[in-house]
Amino acid sequence: MESAIWCAHLKDNRNRETYPDKTAEKAEHCLAHCIIAIGWADGEDGADWETFRRNAEDHYADFPNSLSGFRAAANALERMNPGDLVWVIVPDSHRRYLYQVTEPGQPKADQTLKDIDIGAYRQCRQIACCTVESQPEPLKTYPARRTLFEIQKPDCVQAVKKLYEDCCGKEPEKEG
């Protein structure tokens, strides 16, 4: 079975009138712990994925743009499987990362990290780190318009797979 290819943009996109920008701290935590994280943790605390998701849906119900963004990111995080590859974009950085999802099941929720805009995450392992100059050509200009989404553009999918093959000596495949 073939792995899905995702793009994660480790940004803090919260309202600046309410929250200071914690993009650097969020990215640093995600890189240090090899996780792909989404925010939207402003609602009531949720110790597990279902509670986190329900609380976020309720909290953002009156904010259609935020609710739409949350649903897109949460659906993507939920659909990830072990073996899937993730192209990780770190804002204001000259580095990009290739991660591979490692854990099955539902994403983990962690309300203790909501100060740095982390509400839920998936555990991964790092496959590669590229500078902007050394990353595969089609990915140099690939825009991350959402927090987390599946890459559909064929040349970008192939570039991520080739990077994995170059690093691991085999084609990516779903685990399990």
Protein backbone atom coordinates (compact mmCIF):
# COMPACT_ATOMS: atom_id res chain seq x y z
CA MET A 1 0.00 0.00 0.00
CA GLU A 2 1.26 3.46 -0.85
CA SER A 3 1.95 6.14 1.75
CA ALA A 4 0.11 9.44 1.67
CA ILE A 5 2.21 12.59 1.33
CA TRP A 6 1.31 15.54 3.57
CA CYS A 7 2.51 19.10 4.09
CA ALA A 8 2.65 20.63 7.57
CA HIS A 9 3.19 24.33 8.16
CA LEU A 10 4.33 24.84 11.77
CA LYS A 11 2.85 28.30 12.18
CA ASP A 12 1.07 30.06 15.01
CA ASN A 13 -1.84 31.67 13.22
CA ARG A 14 -3.80 32.86 16.25
CA ASN A 15 -5.29 36.33 16.60
CA ARG A 16 -2.40 38.75 17.35
CA GLU A 17 -4.69 41.05 19.35
CA THR A 18 -5.18 38.22 21.85
CA TYR A 19 -2.00 36.12 21.55
CA PRO A 20 1.67 36.91 20.99
CA ASP A 21 3.25 35.11 18.04
CA LYS A 22 4.71 31.81 19.31
CA THR A 23 5.67 30.39 15.91
CA ALA A 24 9.33 29.98 16.88
CA GLU A 25 8.48 28.20 20.14
CA LYS A 26 5.93 25.96 18.44
CA ALA A 27 8.38 24.98 15.70
CA GLU A 28 11.18 24.41 18.21
CA HIS A 29 8.99 22.09 20.29
CA CYS A 30 7.76 20.17 17.24
CA LEU A 31 11.29 19.67 15.92
CA ALA A 32 12.72 18.71 19.32
CA HIS A 33 10.00 16.07 19.84
CA CYS A 34 9.51 14.97 16.19
CA ILE A 35 5.81 15.80 16.12
CA ILE A 36 3.39 17.31 13.62
CA ALA A 37 1.03 19.59 15.55
CA ILE A 38 -2.09 21.64 15.05
CA GLY A 39 -3.33 24.43 17.29
CA TRP A 40 -6.93 25.48 17.88
CA ALA A 41 -6.60 24.78 21.60
CA ASP A 42 -8.59 27.78 22.84
CA GLY A 43 -11.64 25.80 23.94
CA GLU A 44 -12.05 23.85 27.13
CA ASP A 45 -9.28 21.40 27.88
CA GLY A 46 -9.51 18.00 26.27
CA ALA A 47 -7.35 15.16 27.52
CA ASP A 48 -8.04 12.95 24.51
CA TRP A 49 -8.59 13.42 20.77
CA GLU A 50 -12.40 13.16 20.82
CA THR A 51 -12.75 15.66 23.66
CA PHE A 52 -10.24 18.05 22.08
CA ARG A 53 -12.06 17.89 18.74
CA ARG A 54 -15.53 18.35 20.26
CA ASN A 55 -14.36 21.28 22.41
CA ALA A 56 -12.69 22.99 19.43
CA GLU A 57 -15.80 22.50 17.26
CA ASP A 58 -17.93 24.10 20.01
CA HIS A 59 -15.47 26.93 20.71
CA TYR A 60 -15.04 27.97 17.06
CA ALA A 61 -18.70 27.46 16.03
CA ASP A 62 -19.25 31.25 15.82
CA PHE A 63 -16.06 31.81 13.79
CA PRO A 64 -16.60 30.19 10.36
CA ASN A 65 -13.08 30.80 9.02
CA SER A 66 -11.42 29.40 12.13
CA LEU A 67 -13.83 26.46 12.22
CA SER A 68 -13.13 25.66 8.57
CA GLY A 69 -9.37 25.81 9.15
CA PHE A 70 -9.66 23.65 12.25
CA ARG A 71 -11.76 21.03 10.50
CA ALA A 72 -9.34 20.81 7.57
CA ALA A 73 -6.30 20.41 9.85
CA ALA A 74 -8.06 18.02 12.26
CA ASN A 75 -9.33 15.84 9.41
CA ALA A 76 -5.84 15.68 7.93
CA LEU A 77 -4.25 14.82 11.29
CA GLU A 78 -6.89 12.15 11.86
CA ARG A 79 -6.37 10.56 8.41
CA MET A 80 -2.60 10.19 8.83
CA ASN A 81 -1.28 6.66 9.17
CA PRO A 82 2.05 5.09 10.13
CA GLY A 83 4.36 5.24 7.13
CA ASP A 84 2.85 8.43 5.70
CA LEU A 85 5.38 11.11 4.80
CA VAL A 86 5.16 14.75 5.88
CA TRP A 87 6.98 17.68 4.25
CA VAL A 88 7.47 20.09 7.16
CA ILE A 89 7.73 23.83 6.56
CA VAL A 90 9.12 25.92 9.41
CA PRO A 91 8.25 29.61 9.00
CA ASP A 92 11.16 32.07 9.02
CA SER A 93 13.64 29.23 8.62
CA HIS A 94 15.98 28.17 5.85
CA ARG A 95 15.32 24.52 6.63
CA ARG A 96 12.63 22.06 5.62
CA TYR A 97 12.16 18.58 7.06
CA LEU A 98 10.88 15.23 5.89
CA TYR A 99 9.08 13.31 8.62
CA GLN A 100 7.40 9.92 8.67
CA VAL A 101 4.37 9.20 10.86
CA THR A 102 5.19 6.44 13.35
CA GLU A 103 2.17 5.84 15.58
CA PRO A 104 -1.21 4.33 14.67
CA GLY A 105 -4.56 5.31 16.10
CA GLN A 106 -5.98 8.67 16.94
CA PRO A 107 -3.85 11.80 17.30
CA LYS A 108 -2.81 12.78 20.81
CA ALA A 109 -4.22 15.88 22.51
CA ASP A 110 -2.07 17.96 24.87
CA GLN A 111 -3.63 21.00 26.47
CA THR A 112 -0.45 21.75 28.44
CA LEU A 113 1.09 23.11 25.22
CA LYS A 114 -1.69 25.46 24.16
CA ASP A 115 0.43 28.48 25.13
CA ILE A 116 2.60 27.68 22.09
CA ASP A 117 -0.41 26.85 19.86
CA ILE A 118 -0.25 23.07 20.13
CA GLY A 119 -3.54 21.31 20.78
CA ALA A 120 -3.06 17.91 19.12
CA TYR A 121 -0.27 16.07 17.34
CA ARG A 122 1.09 12.96 15.66
CA GLN A 123 4.39 11.34 16.60
CA CYS A 124 6.89 11.04 13.73
CA ARG A 125 10.51 10.32 12.98
CA GLN A 126 12.79 12.63 11.05
CA ILE A 127 13.98 11.28 7.70
CA ALA A 128 15.77 14.32 6.27
CA CYS A 129 16.59 17.96 6.81
CA CYS A 130 17.15 20.19 3.80
CA THR A 131 18.25 23.76 3.44
CA VAL A 132 16.09 25.89 1.18
CA GLU A 133 18.85 25.66 -1.43
CA SER A 134 19.19 21.85 -1.25
CA GLN A 135 15.52 20.88 -1.13
CA PRO A 136 13.98 19.20 -4.16
CA GLU A 137 13.21 21.69 -6.92
CA PRO A 138 9.40 21.44 -7.04
CA LEU A 139 9.21 21.94 -3.28
CA LYS A 140 11.23 25.17 -3.28
CA THR A 141 8.22 27.18 -4.35
CA TYR A 142 5.48 24.94 -2.97
CA PRO A 143 3.12 27.11 -0.91
CA ALA A 144 1.74 25.98 2.44
CA ARG A 145 -1.65 27.65 2.39
CA ARG A 146 -3.06 25.60 5.26
CA THR A 147 -1.68 24.22 8.50
CA LEU A 148 -1.88 20.60 7.39
CA PHE A 149 -3.01 19.09 4.09
CA GLU A 150 -2.37 16.23 1.70
CA ILE A 151 -0.06 17.11 -1.19
CA GLN A 152 -1.80 16.42 -4.50
CA LYS A 153 0.59 18.05 -6.98
CA PRO A 154 2.27 15.11 -8.80
CA ASP A 155 5.75 16.64 -9.16
CA CYS A 156 5.82 17.51 -5.44
CA VAL A 157 4.61 14.03 -4.46
CA GLN A 158 7.37 12.49 -6.59
CA ALA A 159 9.99 14.85 -5.13
CA VAL A 160 9.08 13.84 -1.56
CA LYS A 161 9.13 10.13 -2.47
CA LYS A 162 12.52 10.50 -4.17
CA LEU A 163 13.97 12.29 -1.13
CA TYR A 164 12.72 9.42 1.05
CA GLU A 165 14.22 6.83 -1.32
CA ASP A 166 17.55 8.69 -1.40
CA CYS A 167 17.67 8.77 2.41
CA CYS A 168 16.26 5.30 3.18
CA GLY A 169 17.23 3.23 0.14
CA LYS A 170 13.66 2.05 -0.50
CA GLU A 171 10.28 3.31 -1.64
CA PRO A 172 7.91 4.59 1.05
CA GLU A 173 5.06 2.29 2.00
CA LYS A 174 2.44 2.25 4.70
CA GLU A 175 3.38 0.32 7.79
CA GLY A 176 1.20 -2.37 9.25
